Each structure stands twice: as C-alpha cells, then as structure tokens.
mmCIF file of all heavy atoms, coordinates in Angstrom:
data_MODEL
# 
_entry.id   MODEL 
# 
loop_
_atom_site.group_PDB 
_atom_site.id 
_atom_site.type_symbol 
_atom_site.label_atom_id 
_atom_site.label_alt_id 
_atom_site.label_comp_id 
_atom_site.label_asym_id 
_atom_site.label_entity_id 
_atom_site.label_seq_id 
_atom_site.pdbx_PDB_ins_code 
_atom_site.Cartn_x 
_atom_site.Cartn_y 
_atom_site.Cartn_z 
_atom_site.occupancy 
_atom_site.B_iso_or_equiv 
_atom_site.pdbx_formal_charge 
_atom_site.auth_seq_id 
_atom_site.auth_comp_id 
_atom_site.auth_asym_id 
_atom_site.auth_atom_id 
_atom_site.pdbx_PDB_model_num 
ATOM 1   N N   . SER A 1 1  ? 84.911  155.843 71.004 1.00 0.00 ? 1  SER A N   1 
ATOM 2   C CA  . SER A 1 1  ? 83.924  154.837 70.590 1.00 0.00 ? 1  SER A CA  1 
ATOM 3   C C   . SER A 1 1  ? 83.472  153.932 71.733 1.00 0.00 ? 1  SER A C   1 
ATOM 4   O O   . SER A 1 1  ? 82.343  153.442 71.720 1.00 0.00 ? 1  SER A O   1 
ATOM 5   C CB  . SER A 1 1  ? 84.496  153.979 69.455 1.00 0.00 ? 1  SER A CB  1 
ATOM 6   O OG  . SER A 1 1  ? 84.737  154.763 68.315 1.00 0.00 ? 1  SER A OG  1 
ATOM 7   N N   . TYR A 1 2  ? 84.349  153.710 72.697 1.00 0.00 ? 2  TYR A N   1 
ATOM 8   C CA  . TYR A 1 2  ? 84.008  152.771 73.772 1.00 0.00 ? 2  TYR A CA  1 
ATOM 9   C C   . TYR A 1 2  ? 83.942  153.451 75.143 1.00 0.00 ? 2  TYR A C   1 
ATOM 10  O O   . TYR A 1 2  ? 84.012  152.786 76.161 1.00 0.00 ? 2  TYR A O   1 
ATOM 11  C CB  . TYR A 1 2  ? 85.017  151.619 73.800 1.00 0.00 ? 2  TYR A CB  1 
ATOM 12  C CG  . TYR A 1 2  ? 84.834  150.667 72.647 1.00 0.00 ? 2  TYR A CG  1 
ATOM 13  C CD1 . TYR A 1 2  ? 85.510  150.847 71.449 1.00 0.00 ? 2  TYR A CD1 1 
ATOM 14  C CD2 . TYR A 1 2  ? 83.953  149.592 72.742 1.00 0.00 ? 2  TYR A CD2 1 
ATOM 15  C CE1 . TYR A 1 2  ? 85.332  149.986 70.380 1.00 0.00 ? 2  TYR A CE1 1 
ATOM 16  C CE2 . TYR A 1 2  ? 83.767  148.727 71.681 1.00 0.00 ? 2  TYR A CE2 1 
ATOM 17  C CZ  . TYR A 1 2  ? 84.456  148.921 70.499 1.00 0.00 ? 2  TYR A CZ  1 
ATOM 18  O OH  . TYR A 1 2  ? 84.266  148.071 69.450 1.00 0.00 ? 2  TYR A OH  1 
ATOM 19  N N   . HIS A 1 3  ? 83.761  154.775 75.140 1.00 0.00 ? 3  HIS A N   1 
ATOM 20  C CA  . HIS A 1 3  ? 83.654  155.501 76.404 1.00 0.00 ? 3  HIS A CA  1 
ATOM 21  C C   . HIS A 1 3  ? 82.452  154.989 77.205 1.00 0.00 ? 3  HIS A C   1 
ATOM 22  O O   . HIS A 1 3  ? 81.324  154.991 76.739 1.00 0.00 ? 3  HIS A O   1 
ATOM 23  C CB  . HIS A 1 3  ? 83.489  156.994 76.116 1.00 0.00 ? 3  HIS A CB  1 
ATOM 24  C CG  . HIS A 1 3  ? 83.378  157.850 77.347 1.00 0.00 ? 3  HIS A CG  1 
ATOM 25  N ND1 . HIS A 1 3  ? 84.384  157.950 78.280 1.00 0.00 ? 3  HIS A ND1 1 
ATOM 26  C CD2 . HIS A 1 3  ? 82.374  158.632 77.804 1.00 0.00 ? 3  HIS A CD2 1 
ATOM 27  C CE1 . HIS A 1 3  ? 84.020  158.758 79.247 1.00 0.00 ? 3  HIS A CE1 1 
ATOM 28  N NE2 . HIS A 1 3  ? 82.798  159.183 78.985 1.00 0.00 ? 3  HIS A NE2 1 
ATOM 29  N N   . LYS A 1 4  ? 82.718  154.484 78.404 1.00 0.00 ? 4  LYS A N   1 
ATOM 30  C CA  . LYS A 1 4  ? 81.691  153.954 79.313 1.00 0.00 ? 4  LYS A CA  1 
ATOM 31  C C   . LYS A 1 4  ? 80.855  152.837 78.677 1.00 0.00 ? 4  LYS A C   1 
ATOM 32  O O   . LYS A 1 4  ? 79.658  152.726 78.927 1.00 0.00 ? 4  LYS A O   1 
ATOM 33  C CB  . LYS A 1 4  ? 80.773  155.077 79.789 1.00 0.00 ? 4  LYS A CB  1 
ATOM 34  C CG  . LYS A 1 4  ? 81.442  156.069 80.732 1.00 0.00 ? 4  LYS A CG  1 
ATOM 35  C CD  . LYS A 1 4  ? 80.431  157.016 81.353 1.00 0.00 ? 4  LYS A CD  1 
ATOM 36  C CE  . LYS A 1 4  ? 81.092  157.913 82.381 1.00 0.00 ? 4  LYS A CE  1 
ATOM 37  N NZ  . LYS A 1 4  ? 80.120  158.783 83.071 1.00 0.00 ? 4  LYS A NZ  1 
ATOM 38  N N   . LYS A 1 5  ? 81.496  151.980 77.881 1.00 0.00 ? 5  LYS A N   1 
ATOM 39  C CA  . LYS A 1 5  ? 80.764  150.866 77.254 1.00 0.00 ? 5  LYS A CA  1 
ATOM 40  C C   . LYS A 1 5  ? 81.247  149.496 77.717 1.00 0.00 ? 5  LYS A C   1 
ATOM 41  O O   . LYS A 1 5  ? 80.641  148.480 77.382 1.00 0.00 ? 5  LYS A O   1 
ATOM 42  C CB  . LYS A 1 5  ? 80.868  150.963 75.731 1.00 0.00 ? 5  LYS A CB  1 
ATOM 43  C CG  . LYS A 1 5  ? 80.065  152.121 75.155 1.00 0.00 ? 5  LYS A CG  1 
ATOM 44  C CD  . LYS A 1 5  ? 80.090  152.132 73.644 1.00 0.00 ? 5  LYS A CD  1 
ATOM 45  C CE  . LYS A 1 5  ? 79.241  153.283 73.113 1.00 0.00 ? 5  LYS A CE  1 
ATOM 46  N NZ  . LYS A 1 5  ? 79.281  153.391 71.629 1.00 0.00 ? 5  LYS A NZ  1 
ATOM 47  N N   . VAL A 1 6  ? 82.332  149.457 78.465 1.00 0.00 ? 6  VAL A N   1 
ATOM 48  C CA  . VAL A 1 6  ? 82.922  148.173 78.881 1.00 0.00 ? 6  VAL A CA  1 
ATOM 49  C C   . VAL A 1 6  ? 82.523  147.881 80.329 1.00 0.00 ? 6  VAL A C   1 
ATOM 50  O O   . VAL A 1 6  ? 82.742  148.705 81.216 1.00 0.00 ? 6  VAL A O   1 
ATOM 51  C CB  . VAL A 1 6  ? 84.461  148.227 78.751 1.00 0.00 ? 6  VAL A CB  1 
ATOM 52  C CG1 . VAL A 1 6  ? 85.087  146.959 79.316 1.00 0.00 ? 6  VAL A CG1 1 
ATOM 53  C CG2 . VAL A 1 6  ? 84.862  148.431 77.294 1.00 0.00 ? 6  VAL A CG2 1 
ATOM 54  N N   . LYS A 1 7  ? 81.945  146.717 80.570 1.00 0.00 ? 7  LYS A N   1 
ATOM 55  C CA  . LYS A 1 7  ? 81.504  146.356 81.924 1.00 0.00 ? 7  LYS A CA  1 
ATOM 56  C C   . LYS A 1 7  ? 82.640  145.756 82.749 1.00 0.00 ? 7  LYS A C   1 
ATOM 57  O O   . LYS A 1 7  ? 82.748  145.995 83.956 1.00 0.00 ? 7  LYS A O   1 
ATOM 58  C CB  . LYS A 1 7  ? 80.346  145.344 81.828 1.00 0.00 ? 7  LYS A CB  1 
ATOM 59  C CG  . LYS A 1 7  ? 79.753  144.873 83.158 1.00 0.00 ? 7  LYS A CG  1 
ATOM 60  C CD  . LYS A 1 7  ? 79.023  145.986 83.873 1.00 0.00 ? 7  LYS A CD  1 
ATOM 61  C CE  . LYS A 1 7  ? 78.239  145.453 85.072 1.00 0.00 ? 7  LYS A CE  1 
ATOM 62  N NZ  . LYS A 1 7  ? 76.898  144.978 84.718 1.00 0.00 ? 7  LYS A NZ  1 
ATOM 63  N N   . MET A 1 8  ? 83.490  144.987 82.084 1.00 0.00 ? 8  MET A N   1 
ATOM 64  C CA  . MET A 1 8  ? 84.545  144.272 82.816 1.00 0.00 ? 8  MET A CA  1 
ATOM 65  C C   . MET A 1 8  ? 85.864  144.368 82.054 1.00 0.00 ? 8  MET A C   1 
ATOM 66  O O   . MET A 1 8  ? 85.910  144.186 80.834 1.00 0.00 ? 8  MET A O   1 
ATOM 67  C CB  . MET A 1 8  ? 84.161  142.796 82.986 1.00 0.00 ? 8  MET A CB  1 
ATOM 68  C CG  . MET A 1 8  ? 85.278  141.915 83.509 1.00 0.00 ? 8  MET A CG  1 
ATOM 69  S SD  . MET A 1 8  ? 84.742  140.196 83.667 1.00 0.00 ? 8  MET A SD  1 
ATOM 70  C CE  . MET A 1 8  ? 86.318  139.336 83.564 1.00 0.00 ? 8  MET A CE  1 
ATOM 71  N N   . ILE A 1 9  ? 86.914  144.715 82.788 1.00 0.00 ? 9  ILE A N   1 
ATOM 72  C CA  . ILE A 1 9  ? 88.270  144.644 82.246 1.00 0.00 ? 9  ILE A CA  1 
ATOM 73  C C   . ILE A 1 9  ? 89.023  143.588 83.042 1.00 0.00 ? 9  ILE A C   1 
ATOM 74  O O   . ILE A 1 9  ? 88.985  143.601 84.280 1.00 0.00 ? 9  ILE A O   1 
ATOM 75  C CB  . ILE A 1 9  ? 89.003  145.994 82.363 1.00 0.00 ? 9  ILE A CB  1 
ATOM 76  C CG1 . ILE A 1 9  ? 88.322  147.067 81.511 1.00 0.00 ? 9  ILE A CG1 1 
ATOM 77  C CG2 . ILE A 1 9  ? 90.460  145.852 81.927 1.00 0.00 ? 9  ILE A CG2 1 
ATOM 78  C CD1 . ILE A 1 9  ? 88.911  148.456 81.687 1.00 0.00 ? 9  ILE A CD1 1 
ATOM 79  N N   . TYR A 1 10 ? 89.647  142.675 82.340 1.00 0.00 ? 10 TYR A N   1 
ATOM 80  C CA  . TYR A 1 10 ? 90.580  141.754 82.993 1.00 0.00 ? 10 TYR A CA  1 
ATOM 81  C C   . TYR A 1 10 ? 91.911  141.851 82.262 1.00 0.00 ? 10 TYR A C   1 
ATOM 82  O O   . TYR A 1 10 ? 91.950  141.765 81.027 1.00 0.00 ? 10 TYR A O   1 
ATOM 83  C CB  . TYR A 1 10 ? 90.109  140.298 82.955 1.00 0.00 ? 10 TYR A CB  1 
ATOM 84  C CG  . TYR A 1 10 ? 91.204  139.369 83.431 1.00 0.00 ? 10 TYR A CG  1 
ATOM 85  C CD1 . TYR A 1 10 ? 91.500  139.259 84.788 1.00 0.00 ? 10 TYR A CD1 1 
ATOM 86  C CD2 . TYR A 1 10 ? 91.998  138.658 82.533 1.00 0.00 ? 10 TYR A CD2 1 
ATOM 87  C CE1 . TYR A 1 10 ? 92.543  138.463 85.238 1.00 0.00 ? 10 TYR A CE1 1 
ATOM 88  C CE2 . TYR A 1 10 ? 93.039  137.853 82.974 1.00 0.00 ? 10 TYR A CE2 1 
ATOM 89  C CZ  . TYR A 1 10 ? 93.304  137.762 84.325 1.00 0.00 ? 10 TYR A CZ  1 
ATOM 90  O OH  . TYR A 1 10 ? 94.344  136.975 84.771 1.00 0.00 ? 10 TYR A OH  1 
ATOM 91  N N   . ILE A 1 11 ? 92.982  142.063 83.020 1.00 0.00 ? 11 ILE A N   1 
ATOM 92  C CA  . ILE A 1 11 ? 94.311  142.062 82.401 1.00 0.00 ? 11 ILE A CA  1 
ATOM 93  C C   . ILE A 1 11 ? 95.282  141.248 83.255 1.00 0.00 ? 11 ILE A C   1 
ATOM 94  O O   . ILE A 1 11 ? 95.151  141.173 84.474 1.00 0.00 ? 11 ILE A O   1 
ATOM 95  C CB  . ILE A 1 11 ? 94.872  143.486 82.184 1.00 0.00 ? 11 ILE A CB  1 
ATOM 96  C CG1 . ILE A 1 11 ? 94.925  144.279 83.495 1.00 0.00 ? 11 ILE A CG1 1 
ATOM 97  C CG2 . ILE A 1 11 ? 94.085  144.219 81.126 1.00 0.00 ? 11 ILE A CG2 1 
ATOM 98  C CD1 . ILE A 1 11 ? 95.654  145.613 83.373 1.00 0.00 ? 11 ILE A CD1 1 
ATOM 99  N N   . ASP A 1 12 ? 96.227  140.665 82.570 1.00 0.00 ? 12 ASP A N   1 
ATOM 100 C CA  . ASP A 1 12 ? 97.304  139.903 83.196 1.00 0.00 ? 12 ASP A CA  1 
ATOM 101 C C   . ASP A 1 12 ? 98.607  140.496 82.653 1.00 0.00 ? 12 ASP A C   1 
ATOM 102 O O   . ASP A 1 12 ? 99.242  139.928 81.773 1.00 0.00 ? 12 ASP A O   1 
ATOM 103 C CB  . ASP A 1 12 ? 97.153  138.430 82.815 1.00 0.00 ? 12 ASP A CB  1 
ATOM 104 C CG  . ASP A 1 12 ? 98.155  137.532 83.514 1.00 0.00 ? 12 ASP A CG  1 
ATOM 105 O OD1 . ASP A 1 12 ? 98.690  137.942 84.564 1.00 0.00 ? 12 ASP A OD1 1 
ATOM 106 O OD2 . ASP A 1 12 ? 98.414  136.420 83.005 1.00 0.00 ? 12 ASP A OD2 1 
ATOM 107 N N   . PRO A 1 13 ? 99.001  141.685 83.167 1.00 0.00 ? 13 PRO A N   1 
ATOM 108 C CA  . PRO A 1 13 ? 100.153 142.394 82.598 1.00 0.00 ? 13 PRO A CA  1 
ATOM 109 C C   . PRO A 1 13 ? 101.466 141.724 82.953 1.00 0.00 ? 13 PRO A C   1 
ATOM 110 O O   . PRO A 1 13 ? 101.494 140.792 83.786 1.00 0.00 ? 13 PRO A O   1 
ATOM 111 C CB  . PRO A 1 13 ? 100.052 143.781 83.252 1.00 0.00 ? 13 PRO A CB  1 
ATOM 112 C CG  . PRO A 1 13 ? 99.415  143.513 84.572 1.00 0.00 ? 13 PRO A CG  1 
ATOM 113 C CD  . PRO A 1 13 ? 98.438  142.386 84.331 1.00 0.00 ? 13 PRO A CD  1 
ATOM 114 N N   . PRO A 1 14 ? 102.584 142.162 82.376 1.00 0.00 ? 14 PRO A N   1 
ATOM 115 C CA  . PRO A 1 14 ? 103.888 141.616 82.761 1.00 0.00 ? 14 PRO A CA  1 
ATOM 116 C C   . PRO A 1 14 ? 104.104 141.789 84.262 1.00 0.00 ? 14 PRO A C   1 
ATOM 117 O O   . PRO A 1 14 ? 103.783 142.831 84.832 1.00 0.00 ? 14 PRO A O   1 
ATOM 118 C CB  . PRO A 1 14 ? 104.879 142.469 81.958 1.00 0.00 ? 14 PRO A CB  1 
ATOM 119 C CG  . PRO A 1 14 ? 104.098 143.013 80.817 1.00 0.00 ? 14 PRO A CG  1 
ATOM 120 C CD  . PRO A 1 14 ? 102.708 143.186 81.317 1.00 0.00 ? 14 PRO A CD  1 
ATOM 121 N N   . TYR A 1 15 ? 104.640 140.740 84.898 1.00 0.00 ? 15 TYR A N   1 
ATOM 122 C CA  . TYR A 1 15 ? 104.848 140.775 86.354 1.00 0.00 ? 15 TYR A CA  1 
ATOM 123 C C   . TYR A 1 15 ? 106.185 141.411 86.731 1.00 0.00 ? 15 TYR A C   1 
ATOM 124 O O   . TYR A 1 15 ? 106.532 141.483 87.891 1.00 0.00 ? 15 TYR A O   1 
ATOM 125 C CB  . TYR A 1 15 ? 104.778 139.357 86.927 1.00 0.00 ? 15 TYR A CB  1 
ATOM 126 C CG  . TYR A 1 15 ? 103.383 138.758 86.937 1.00 0.00 ? 15 TYR A CG  1 
ATOM 127 C CD1 . TYR A 1 15 ? 102.288 139.473 86.456 1.00 0.00 ? 15 TYR A CD1 1 
ATOM 128 C CD2 . TYR A 1 15 ? 103.168 137.473 87.414 1.00 0.00 ? 15 TYR A CD2 1 
ATOM 129 C CE1 . TYR A 1 15 ? 101.020 138.919 86.454 1.00 0.00 ? 15 TYR A CE1 1 
ATOM 130 C CE2 . TYR A 1 15 ? 101.899 136.913 87.428 1.00 0.00 ? 15 TYR A CE2 1 
ATOM 131 C CZ  . TYR A 1 15 ? 100.833 137.646 86.943 1.00 0.00 ? 15 TYR A CZ  1 
ATOM 132 O OH  . TYR A 1 15 ? 99.572  137.095 86.951 1.00 0.00 ? 15 TYR A OH  1 
ATOM 133 N N   . ASN A 1 16 ? 106.936 141.841 85.724 1.00 0.00 ? 16 ASN A N   1 
ATOM 134 C CA  . ASN A 1 16 ? 108.237 142.478 85.953 1.00 0.00 ? 16 ASN A CA  1 
ATOM 135 C C   . ASN A 1 16 ? 109.213 141.523 86.644 1.00 0.00 ? 16 ASN A C   1 
ATOM 136 O O   . ASN A 1 16 ? 109.877 141.864 87.623 1.00 0.00 ? 16 ASN A O   1 
ATOM 137 C CB  . ASN A 1 16 ? 108.079 143.761 86.786 1.00 0.00 ? 16 ASN A CB  1 
ATOM 138 C CG  . ASN A 1 16 ? 109.194 144.753 86.507 1.00 0.00 ? 16 ASN A CG  1 
ATOM 139 O OD1 . ASN A 1 16 ? 109.978 144.585 85.578 1.00 0.00 ? 16 ASN A OD1 1 
ATOM 140 N ND2 . ASN A 1 16 ? 109.271 145.793 87.314 1.00 0.00 ? 16 ASN A ND2 1 
ATOM 141 N N   . LYS A 1 17 ? 109.293 140.331 86.092 1.00 0.00 ? 17 LYS A N   1 
ATOM 142 C CA  . LYS A 1 17 ? 110.228 139.333 86.622 1.00 0.00 ? 17 LYS A CA  1 
ATOM 143 C C   . LYS A 1 17 ? 111.634 139.620 86.092 1.00 0.00 ? 17 LYS A C   1 
ATOM 144 O O   . LYS A 1 17 ? 111.870 140.610 85.410 1.00 0.00 ? 17 LYS A O   1 
ATOM 145 C CB  . LYS A 1 17 ? 109.795 137.923 86.214 1.00 0.00 ? 17 LYS A CB  1 
ATOM 146 C CG  . LYS A 1 17 ? 108.353 137.608 86.494 1.00 0.00 ? 17 LYS A CG  1 
ATOM 147 C CD  . LYS A 1 17 ? 107.989 137.717 87.967 1.00 0.00 ? 17 LYS A CD  1 
ATOM 148 C CE  . LYS A 1 17 ? 108.556 136.579 88.767 1.00 0.00 ? 17 LYS A CE  1 
ATOM 149 N NZ  . LYS A 1 17 ? 108.133 136.648 90.196 1.00 0.00 ? 17 LYS A NZ  1 
ATOM 150 N N   . ASP A 1 18 ? 112.553 138.742 86.389 1.00 0.00 ? 18 ASP A N   1 
ATOM 151 C CA  . ASP A 1 18 ? 113.936 138.940 85.962 1.00 0.00 ? 18 ASP A CA  1 
ATOM 152 C C   . ASP A 1 18 ? 114.112 138.791 84.453 1.00 0.00 ? 18 ASP A C   1 
ATOM 153 O O   . ASP A 1 18 ? 115.110 139.223 83.890 1.00 0.00 ? 18 ASP A O   1 
ATOM 154 C CB  . ASP A 1 18 ? 114.855 137.937 86.673 1.00 0.00 ? 18 ASP A CB  1 
ATOM 155 C CG  . ASP A 1 18 ? 114.932 138.232 88.158 1.00 0.00 ? 18 ASP A CG  1 
ATOM 156 O OD1 . ASP A 1 18 ? 114.702 139.393 88.532 1.00 0.00 ? 18 ASP A OD1 1 
ATOM 157 O OD2 . ASP A 1 18 ? 115.206 137.305 88.931 1.00 0.00 ? 18 ASP A OD2 1 
ATOM 158 N N   . LYS A 1 19 ? 113.099 138.177 83.806 1.00 0.00 ? 19 LYS A N   1 
ATOM 159 C CA  . LYS A 1 19 ? 113.248 137.981 82.362 1.00 0.00 ? 19 LYS A CA  1 
ATOM 160 C C   . LYS A 1 19 ? 112.972 139.285 81.618 1.00 0.00 ? 19 LYS A C   1 
ATOM 161 O O   . LYS A 1 19 ? 112.677 140.308 82.200 1.00 0.00 ? 19 LYS A O   1 
ATOM 162 C CB  . LYS A 1 19 ? 112.308 136.874 81.886 1.00 0.00 ? 19 LYS A CB  1 
ATOM 163 C CG  . LYS A 1 19 ? 110.830 137.179 82.064 1.00 0.00 ? 19 LYS A CG  1 
ATOM 164 C CD  . LYS A 1 19 ? 110.013 135.975 81.631 1.00 0.00 ? 19 LYS A CD  1 
ATOM 165 C CE  . LYS A 1 19 ? 108.519 136.258 81.785 1.00 0.00 ? 19 LYS A CE  1 
ATOM 166 N NZ  . LYS A 1 19 ? 107.701 135.123 81.366 1.00 0.00 ? 19 LYS A NZ  1 
ATOM 167 N N   . ASP A 1 20 ? 113.067 139.214 80.286 1.00 0.00 ? 20 ASP A N   1 
ATOM 168 C CA  . ASP A 1 20 ? 112.957 140.416 79.466 1.00 0.00 ? 20 ASP A CA  1 
ATOM 169 C C   . ASP A 1 20 ? 111.618 141.120 79.645 1.00 0.00 ? 20 ASP A C   1 
ATOM 170 O O   . ASP A 1 20 ? 110.593 140.498 79.888 1.00 0.00 ? 20 ASP A O   1 
ATOM 171 C CB  . ASP A 1 20 ? 113.129 140.048 77.985 1.00 0.00 ? 20 ASP A CB  1 
ATOM 172 C CG  . ASP A 1 20 ? 114.541 139.613 77.676 1.00 0.00 ? 20 ASP A CG  1 
ATOM 173 O OD1 . ASP A 1 20 ? 115.398 139.802 78.547 1.00 0.00 ? 20 ASP A OD1 1 
ATOM 174 O OD2 . ASP A 1 20 ? 114.768 139.097 76.567 1.00 0.00 ? 20 ASP A OD2 1 
ATOM 175 N N   . PHE A 1 21 ? 111.659 142.434 79.484 1.00 0.00 ? 21 PHE A N   1 
ATOM 176 C CA  . PHE A 1 21 ? 110.476 143.277 79.587 1.00 0.00 ? 21 PHE A CA  1 
ATOM 177 C C   . PHE A 1 21 ? 110.211 143.867 78.212 1.00 0.00 ? 21 PHE A C   1 
ATOM 178 O O   . PHE A 1 21 ? 111.099 144.428 77.583 1.00 0.00 ? 21 PHE A O   1 
ATOM 179 C CB  . PHE A 1 21 ? 110.764 144.393 80.600 1.00 0.00 ? 21 PHE A CB  1 
ATOM 180 C CG  . PHE A 1 21 ? 109.573 145.247 80.904 1.00 0.00 ? 21 PHE A CG  1 
ATOM 181 C CD1 . PHE A 1 21 ? 108.468 144.716 81.534 1.00 0.00 ? 21 PHE A CD1 1 
ATOM 182 C CD2 . PHE A 1 21 ? 109.581 146.591 80.582 1.00 0.00 ? 21 PHE A CD2 1 
ATOM 183 C CE1 . PHE A 1 21 ? 107.384 145.515 81.844 1.00 0.00 ? 21 PHE A CE1 1 
ATOM 184 C CE2 . PHE A 1 21 ? 108.496 147.401 80.879 1.00 0.00 ? 21 PHE A CE2 1 
ATOM 185 C CZ  . PHE A 1 21 ? 107.399 146.857 81.515 1.00 0.00 ? 21 PHE A CZ  1 
ATOM 186 N N   . VAL A 1 22 ? 108.988 143.753 77.732 1.00 0.00 ? 22 VAL A N   1 
ATOM 187 C CA  . VAL A 1 22 ? 108.715 143.992 76.323 1.00 0.00 ? 22 VAL A CA  1 
ATOM 188 C C   . VAL A 1 22 ? 108.389 145.441 75.994 1.00 0.00 ? 22 VAL A C   1 
ATOM 189 O O   . VAL A 1 22 ? 108.793 145.954 74.969 1.00 0.00 ? 22 VAL A O   1 
ATOM 190 C CB  . VAL A 1 22 ? 107.536 143.091 75.863 1.00 0.00 ? 22 VAL A CB  1 
ATOM 191 C CG1 . VAL A 1 22 ? 107.203 143.333 74.415 1.00 0.00 ? 22 VAL A CG1 1 
ATOM 192 C CG2 . VAL A 1 22 ? 107.891 141.642 76.106 1.00 0.00 ? 22 VAL A CG2 1 
ATOM 193 N N   . TYR A 1 23 ? 107.654 146.125 76.870 1.00 0.00 ? 23 TYR A N   1 
ATOM 194 C CA  . TYR A 1 23 ? 107.114 147.442 76.511 1.00 0.00 ? 23 TYR A CA  1 
ATOM 195 C C   . TYR A 1 23 ? 108.167 148.528 76.657 1.00 0.00 ? 23 TYR A C   1 
ATOM 196 O O   . TYR A 1 23 ? 108.868 148.598 77.644 1.00 0.00 ? 23 TYR A O   1 
ATOM 197 C CB  . TYR A 1 23 ? 105.895 147.761 77.381 1.00 0.00 ? 23 TYR A CB  1 
ATOM 198 C CG  . TYR A 1 23 ? 104.746 146.852 77.070 1.00 0.00 ? 23 TYR A CG  1 
ATOM 199 C CD1 . TYR A 1 23 ? 104.670 145.576 77.622 1.00 0.00 ? 23 TYR A CD1 1 
ATOM 200 C CD2 . TYR A 1 23 ? 103.756 147.234 76.183 1.00 0.00 ? 23 TYR A CD2 1 
ATOM 201 C CE1 . TYR A 1 23 ? 103.625 144.714 77.320 1.00 0.00 ? 23 TYR A CE1 1 
ATOM 202 C CE2 . TYR A 1 23 ? 102.703 146.394 75.871 1.00 0.00 ? 23 TYR A CE2 1 
ATOM 203 C CZ  . TYR A 1 23 ? 102.645 145.137 76.441 1.00 0.00 ? 23 TYR A CZ  1 
ATOM 204 O OH  . TYR A 1 23 ? 101.618 144.302 76.131 1.00 0.00 ? 23 TYR A OH  1 
ATOM 205 N N   . SER A 1 24 ? 108.254 149.397 75.642 1.00 0.00 ? 24 SER A N   1 
ATOM 206 C CA  . SER A 1 24 ? 109.243 150.473 75.634 1.00 0.00 ? 24 SER A CA  1 
ATOM 207 C C   . SER A 1 24 ? 108.598 151.715 75.027 1.00 0.00 ? 24 SER A C   1 
ATOM 208 O O   . SER A 1 24 ? 108.701 151.958 73.835 1.00 0.00 ? 24 SER A O   1 
ATOM 209 C CB  . SER A 1 24 ? 110.471 150.067 74.826 1.00 0.00 ? 24 SER A CB  1 
ATOM 210 O OG  . SER A 1 24 ? 111.430 151.101 74.807 1.00 0.00 ? 24 SER A OG  1 
ATOM 211 N N   . ASP A 1 25 ? 107.881 152.487 75.874 1.00 0.00 ? 25 ASP A N   1 
ATOM 212 C CA  . ASP A 1 25 ? 107.147 153.650 75.383 1.00 0.00 ? 25 ASP A CA  1 
ATOM 213 C C   . ASP A 1 25 ? 108.082 154.837 75.233 1.00 0.00 ? 25 ASP A C   1 
ATOM 214 O O   . ASP A 1 25 ? 108.987 155.046 76.035 1.00 0.00 ? 25 ASP A O   1 
ATOM 215 C CB  . ASP A 1 25 ? 106.030 154.033 76.365 1.00 0.00 ? 25 ASP A CB  1 
ATOM 216 C CG  . ASP A 1 25 ? 105.046 152.893 76.558 1.00 0.00 ? 25 ASP A CG  1 
ATOM 217 O OD1 . ASP A 1 25 ? 104.889 152.103 75.620 1.00 0.00 ? 25 ASP A OD1 1 
ATOM 218 O OD2 . ASP A 1 25 ? 104.451 152.806 77.645 1.00 0.00 ? 25 ASP A OD2 1 
ATOM 219 N N   . THR A 1 26 ? 107.841 155.644 74.209 1.00 0.00 ? 26 THR A N   1 
ATOM 220 C CA  . THR A 1 26 ? 108.584 156.882 74.007 1.00 0.00 ? 26 THR A CA  1 
ATOM 221 C C   . THR A 1 26 ? 107.580 157.999 73.826 1.00 0.00 ? 26 THR A C   1 
ATOM 222 O O   . THR A 1 26 ? 106.827 158.008 72.854 1.00 0.00 ? 26 THR A O   1 
ATOM 223 C CB  . THR A 1 26 ? 109.486 156.796 72.766 1.00 0.00 ? 26 THR A CB  1 
ATOM 224 O OG1 . THR A 1 26 ? 110.417 155.733 72.963 1.00 0.00 ? 26 THR A OG1 1 
ATOM 225 C CG2 . THR A 1 26 ? 110.237 158.101 72.561 1.00 0.00 ? 26 THR A CG2 1 
# 
C-alpha cells in the first residue's frame, strides 16, 4: 500500500545502551 509513497523517514531506534533491550524477533 505504501510502496514508494513515503518522502521522509525519521527514526530514533534503541541506542543499545546498558539498559534493557525491548525487541525480540523470532
């Protein structure tokens, strides 16, 4: 639905600091 429709992506992902990490893909 959104193939080649987004002009700008901004993300601020986890910085992988010493604290907990949330994402756990399987």
